[in-house]
């Protein structure tokens, strides 16, 4: 089970979501995204737009 907590910037409230089953495709996308984030964070000047564009595709 995976639990997501998302904070709304406008209201300041936090919403919680849970998901019981995770497919292999979803897990692969998640690991690809995490790998990209780690690569960008290791750079001297990380490009945040690359990370945002990837996360928007979820």
PDB file of N, CA and C in Angstrom:
ATOM      1  N   UNK A   1       0.843  -1.179   0.000  1.00  0.00           N
ATOM      2  CA  UNK A   1       0.000   0.000   0.000  1.00  0.00           C
ATOM      3  C   UNK A   1       0.891   1.246   0.000  1.00  0.00           C
ATOM      4  N   UNK A   2       0.485   2.230  -0.771  1.00  0.00           N
ATOM      5  CA  UNK A   2       1.199   3.497  -0.856  1.00  0.00           C
ATOM      6  C   UNK A   2       0.275   4.602  -0.361  1.00  0.00           C
ATOM      7  N   UNK A   3       0.836   5.508   0.425  1.00  0.00           N
ATOM      8  CA  UNK A   3       0.060   6.620   0.942  1.00  0.00           C
ATOM      9  C   UNK A   3       0.665   7.920   0.411  1.00  0.00           C
ATOM     10  N   UNK A   4      -0.174   8.757  -0.189  1.00  0.00           N
ATOM     11  CA  UNK A   4       0.243  10.052  -0.709  1.00  0.00           C
ATOM     12  C   UNK A   4      -0.336  11.133   0.176  1.00  0.00           C
ATOM     13  N   UNK A   5       0.472  12.125   0.506  1.00  0.00           N
ATOM     14  CA  UNK A   5      -0.016  13.293   1.224  1.00  0.00           C
ATOM     15  C   UNK A   5       0.340  14.511   0.396  1.00  0.00           C
ATOM     16  N   UNK A   6      -0.686  15.263  -0.001  1.00  0.00           N
ATOM     17  CA  UNK A   6      -0.494  16.421  -0.869  1.00  0.00           C
ATOM     18  C   UNK A   6      -1.007  17.658  -0.143  1.00  0.00           C
ATOM     19  N   UNK A   7      -0.142  18.679  -0.059  1.00  0.00           N
ATOM     20  CA  UNK A   7      -0.524  19.922   0.601  1.00  0.00           C
ATOM     21  C   UNK A   7      -0.979  20.930  -0.447  1.00  0.00           C
ATOM     22  N   UNK A   8      -2.151  21.481  -0.247  1.00  0.00           N
ATOM     23  CA  UNK A   8      -2.697  22.505  -1.143  1.00  0.00           C
ATOM     24  C   UNK A   8      -2.067  23.842  -0.776  1.00  0.00           C
ATOM     25  N   UNK A   9      -1.406  24.469  -1.741  1.00  0.00           N
ATOM     26  CA  UNK A   9      -0.699  25.719  -1.467  1.00  0.00           C
ATOM     27  C   UNK A   9      -1.648  26.872  -1.164  1.00  0.00           C
ATOM     28  N   UNK A  10      -2.824  26.853  -1.757  1.00  0.00           N
ATOM     29  CA  UNK A  10      -3.767  27.953  -1.561  1.00  0.00           C
ATOM     30  C   UNK A  10      -4.403  27.905  -0.173  1.00  0.00           C
ATOM     31  N   UNK A  11      -4.885  26.727   0.226  1.00  0.00           N
ATOM     32  CA  UNK A  11      -5.599  26.615   1.492  1.00  0.00           C
ATOM     33  C   UNK A  11      -4.699  26.180   2.646  1.00  0.00           C
ATOM     34  N   UNK A  12      -3.578  25.535   2.351  1.00  0.00           N
ATOM     35  CA  UNK A  12      -2.685  25.060   3.394  1.00  0.00           C
ATOM     36  C   UNK A  12      -3.109  23.728   3.983  1.00  0.00           C
ATOM     37  N   UNK A  13      -4.196  23.148   3.459  1.00  0.00           N
ATOM     38  CA  UNK A  13      -4.688  21.869   3.960  1.00  0.00           C
ATOM     39  C   UNK A  13      -3.934  20.717   3.304  1.00  0.00           C
ATOM     40  N   UNK A  14      -3.803  19.617   4.035  1.00  0.00           N
ATOM     41  CA  UNK A  14      -3.139  18.425   3.513  1.00  0.00           C
ATOM     42  C   UNK A  14      -4.186  17.347   3.268  1.00  0.00           C
ATOM     43  N   UNK A  15      -4.143  16.778   2.064  1.00  0.00           N
ATOM     44  CA  UNK A  15      -5.068  15.706   1.710  1.00  0.00           C
ATOM     45  C   UNK A  15      -4.286  14.406   1.610  1.00  0.00           C
ATOM     46  N   UNK A  16      -4.879  13.314   2.063  1.00  0.00           N
ATOM     47  CA  UNK A  16      -4.223  12.010   2.026  1.00  0.00           C
ATOM     48  C   UNK A  16      -4.952  11.083   1.073  1.00  0.00           C
ATOM     49  N   UNK A  17      -4.180  10.348   0.288  1.00  0.00           N
ATOM     50  CA  UNK A  17      -4.709   9.362  -0.642  1.00  0.00           C
ATOM     51  C   UNK A  17      -3.943   8.064  -0.442  1.00  0.00           C
ATOM     52  N   UNK A  18      -4.631   6.939  -0.620  1.00  0.00           N
ATOM     53  CA  UNK A  18      -3.964   5.650  -0.534  1.00  0.00           C
ATOM     54  C   UNK A  18      -4.258   4.835  -1.782  1.00  0.00           C
ATOM     55  N   UNK A  19      -3.334   3.958  -2.102  1.00  0.00           N
ATOM     56  CA  UNK A  19      -3.510   3.079  -3.246  1.00  0.00           C
ATOM     57  C   UNK A  19      -3.025   1.696  -2.831  1.00  0.00           C
ATOM     58  N   UNK A  20      -3.857   0.712  -3.033  1.00  0.00           N
ATOM     59  CA  UNK A  20      -3.538  -0.646  -2.595  1.00  0.00           C
ATOM     60  C   UNK A  20      -2.578  -1.369  -3.531  1.00  0.00           C
ATOM     61  N   UNK A  21      -2.875  -1.374  -4.824  1.00  0.00           N
ATOM     62  CA  UNK A  21      -2.079  -2.147  -5.772  1.00  0.00           C
ATOM     63  C   UNK A  21      -1.267  -1.220  -6.671  1.00  0.00           C
ATOM     64  N   UNK A  22      -0.011  -1.599  -6.895  1.00  0.00           N
ATOM     65  CA  UNK A  22       0.868  -0.856  -7.781  1.00  0.00           C
ATOM     66  C   UNK A  22       1.303  -1.796  -8.890  1.00  0.00           C
ATOM     67  N   UNK A  23       1.113  -1.379 -10.146  1.00  0.00           N
ATOM     68  CA  UNK A  23       1.499  -2.230 -11.271  1.00  0.00           C
ATOM     69  C   UNK A  23       2.994  -2.066 -11.559  1.00  0.00           C
ATOM     70  N   UNK A  24       3.546  -2.988 -12.341  1.00  0.00           N
ATOM     71  CA  UNK A  24       4.959  -2.921 -12.708  1.00  0.00           C
ATOM     72  C   UNK A  24       5.253  -1.658 -13.512  1.00  0.00           C
ATOM     73  N   UNK A  25       4.344  -1.279 -14.396  1.00  0.00           N
ATOM     74  CA  UNK A  25       4.535  -0.076 -15.201  1.00  0.00           C
ATOM     75  C   UNK A  25       4.628   1.178 -14.348  1.00  0.00           C
ATOM     76  N   UNK A  26       3.765   1.274 -13.352  1.00  0.00           N
ATOM     77  CA  UNK A  26       3.785   2.422 -12.447  1.00  0.00           C
ATOM     78  C   UNK A  26       5.081   2.448 -11.641  1.00  0.00           C
ATOM     79  N   UNK A  27       5.525   1.290 -11.196  1.00  0.00           N
ATOM     80  CA  UNK A  27       6.758   1.212 -10.423  1.00  0.00           C
ATOM     81  C   UNK A  27       7.958   1.599 -11.283  1.00  0.00           C
ATOM     82  N   UNK A  28       7.987   1.147 -12.530  1.00  0.00           N
ATOM     83  CA  UNK A  28       9.088   1.493 -13.430  1.00  0.00           C
ATOM     84  C   UNK A  28       9.129   2.996 -13.687  1.00  0.00           C
ATOM     85  N   UNK A  29       7.963   3.616 -13.906  1.00  0.00           N
ATOM     86  CA  UNK A  29       7.913   5.063 -14.113  1.00  0.00           C
ATOM     87  C   UNK A  29       8.428   5.801 -12.882  1.00  0.00           C
ATOM     88  N   UNK A  30       8.060   5.307 -11.714  1.00  0.00           N
ATOM     89  CA  UNK A  30       8.495   5.935 -10.465  1.00  0.00           C
ATOM     90  C   UNK A  30      10.013   5.860 -10.331  1.00  0.00           C
ATOM     91  N   UNK A  31      10.587   4.684 -10.585  1.00  0.00           N
ATOM     92  CA  UNK A  31      12.036   4.531 -10.468  1.00  0.00           C
ATOM     93  C   UNK A  31      12.772   5.357 -11.516  1.00  0.00           C
ATOM     94  N   UNK A  32      12.236   5.460 -12.719  1.00  0.00           N
ATOM     95  CA  UNK A  32      12.843   6.308 -13.753  1.00  0.00           C
ATOM     96  C   UNK A  32      12.846   7.766 -13.313  1.00  0.00           C
ATOM     97  N   UNK A  33      11.732   8.202 -12.743  1.00  0.00           N
ATOM     98  CA  UNK A  33      11.629   9.573 -12.260  1.00  0.00           C
ATOM     99  C   UNK A  33      12.624   9.820 -11.129  1.00  0.00           C
ATOM    100  N   UNK A  34      12.715   8.893 -10.174  1.00  0.00           N
ATOM    101  CA  UNK A  34      13.643   9.061  -9.058  1.00  0.00           C
ATOM    102  C   UNK A  34      15.085   9.101  -9.541  1.00  0.00           C
ATOM    103  N   UNK A  35      15.409   8.294 -10.531  1.00  0.00           N
ATOM    104  CA  UNK A  35      16.754   8.290 -11.101  1.00  0.00           C
ATOM    105  C   UNK A  35      17.071   9.639 -11.749  1.00  0.00           C
ATOM    106  N   UNK A  36      16.120  10.190 -12.493  1.00  0.00           N
ATOM    107  CA  UNK A  36      16.297  11.499 -13.121  1.00  0.00           C
ATOM    108  C   UNK A  36      16.498  12.587 -12.071  1.00  0.00           C
ATOM    109  N   UNK A  37      15.706  12.553 -11.016  1.00  0.00           N
ATOM    110  CA  UNK A  37      15.825  13.544  -9.948  1.00  0.00           C
ATOM    111  C   UNK A  37      17.199  13.446  -9.292  1.00  0.00           C
ATOM    112  N   UNK A  38      17.652  12.229  -9.014  1.00  0.00           N
ATOM    113  CA  UNK A  38      18.958  12.058  -8.392  1.00  0.00           C
ATOM    114  C   UNK A  38      20.078  12.549  -9.292  1.00  0.00           C
ATOM    115  N   UNK A  39      19.973  12.295 -10.592  1.00  0.00           N
ATOM    116  CA  UNK A  39      20.993  12.770 -11.533  1.00  0.00           C
ATOM    117  C   UNK A  39      21.027  14.290 -11.575  1.00  0.00           C
ATOM    118  N   UNK A  40      19.860  14.920 -11.588  1.00  0.00           N
ATOM    119  CA  UNK A  40      19.805  16.380 -11.627  1.00  0.00           C
ATOM    120  C   UNK A  40      20.312  16.984 -10.317  1.00  0.00           C
ATOM    121  N   UNK A  41      20.036  16.340  -9.188  1.00  0.00           N
ATOM    122  CA  UNK A  41      20.485  16.867  -7.899  1.00  0.00           C
ATOM    123  C   UNK A  41      21.994  16.771  -7.745  1.00  0.00           C
ATOM    124  N   UNK A  42      22.630  15.802  -8.399  1.00  0.00           N
ATOM    125  CA  UNK A  42      24.080  15.644  -8.310  1.00  0.00           C
ATOM    126  C   UNK A  42      24.817  16.718  -9.103  1.00  0.00           C
ATOM    127  N   UNK A  43      24.149  17.309 -10.082  1.00  0.00           N
ATOM    128  CA  UNK A  43      24.774  18.350 -10.893  1.00  0.00           C
ATOM    129  C   UNK A  43      25.005  19.600 -10.055  1.00  0.00           C
ATOM    130  N   UNK A  44      25.961  20.399 -10.512  1.00  0.00           N
ATOM    131  CA  UNK A  44      26.273  21.624  -9.789  1.00  0.00           C
ATOM    132  C   UNK A  44      25.114  22.620  -9.851  1.00  0.00           C
ATOM    133  N   UNK A  45      24.486  22.708 -11.030  1.00  0.00           N
ATOM    134  CA  UNK A  45      23.330  23.593 -11.209  1.00  0.00           C
ATOM    135  C   UNK A  45      22.182  22.761 -11.768  1.00  0.00           C
ATOM    136  N   UNK A  46      21.393  22.104 -10.898  1.00  0.00           N
ATOM    137  CA  UNK A  46      20.299  21.260 -11.389  1.00  0.00           C
ATOM    138  C   UNK A  46      19.226  22.064 -12.117  1.00  0.00           C
ATOM    139  N   UNK A  47      18.640  21.424 -13.140  1.00  0.00           N
ATOM    140  CA  UNK A  47      17.583  22.048 -13.930  1.00  0.00           C
ATOM    141  C   UNK A  47      16.248  21.523 -13.416  1.00  0.00           C
ATOM    142  N   UNK A  48      15.544  22.325 -12.644  1.00  0.00           N
ATOM    143  CA  UNK A  48      14.296  21.887 -12.017  1.00  0.00           C
ATOM    144  C   UNK A  48      13.187  21.656 -13.033  1.00  0.00           C
ATOM    145  N   UNK A  49      13.260  22.323 -14.187  1.00  0.00           N
ATOM    146  CA  UNK A  49      12.192  22.148 -15.175  1.00  0.00           C
ATOM    147  C   UNK A  49      12.176  20.730 -15.721  1.00  0.00           C
ATOM    148  N   UNK A  50      13.324  20.085 -15.838  1.00  0.00           N
ATOM    149  CA  UNK A  50      13.359  18.703 -16.311  1.00  0.00           C
ATOM    150  C   UNK A  50      12.628  17.792 -15.334  1.00  0.00           C
ATOM    151  N   UNK A  51      12.816  18.022 -14.052  1.00  0.00           N
ATOM    152  CA  UNK A  51      12.166  17.193 -13.047  1.00  0.00           C
ATOM    153  C   UNK A  51      10.664  17.434 -13.027  1.00  0.00           C
ATOM    154  N   UNK A  52      10.249  18.706 -13.160  1.00  0.00           N
ATOM    155  CA  UNK A  52       8.816  19.016 -13.151  1.00  0.00           C
ATOM    156  C   UNK A  52       8.123  18.432 -14.363  1.00  0.00           C
ATOM    157  N   UNK A  53       8.737  18.527 -15.528  1.00  0.00           N
ATOM    158  CA  UNK A  53       8.115  18.005 -16.741  1.00  0.00           C
ATOM    159  C   UNK A  53       7.903  16.510 -16.620  1.00  0.00           C
ATOM    160  N   UNK A  54       8.826  15.798 -16.041  1.00  0.00           N
ATOM    161  CA  UNK A  54       8.703  14.352 -15.886  1.00  0.00           C
ATOM    162  C   UNK A  54       7.599  14.032 -14.885  1.00  0.00           C
ATOM    163  N   UNK A  55       7.535  14.774 -13.768  1.00  0.00           N
ATOM    164  CA  UNK A  55       6.536  14.470 -12.752  1.00  0.00           C
ATOM    165  C   UNK A  55       5.133  14.835 -13.218  1.00  0.00           C
ATOM    166  N   UNK A  56       5.004  15.802 -14.127  1.00  0.00           N
ATOM    167  CA  UNK A  56       3.685  16.177 -14.636  1.00  0.00           C
ATOM    168  C   UNK A  56       3.080  15.070 -15.490  1.00  0.00           C
ATOM    169  N   UNK A  57       3.902  14.162 -16.002  1.00  0.00           N
ATOM    170  CA  UNK A  57       3.396  13.116 -16.885  1.00  0.00           C
ATOM    171  C   UNK A  57       2.756  11.963 -16.120  1.00  0.00           C
ATOM    172  N   UNK A  58       2.813  11.975 -14.779  1.00  0.00           N
ATOM    173  CA  UNK A  58       2.220  10.888 -13.999  1.00  0.00           C
ATOM    174  C   UNK A  58       0.741  10.867 -14.129  1.00  0.00           C
TER     175      UNK A  58
END
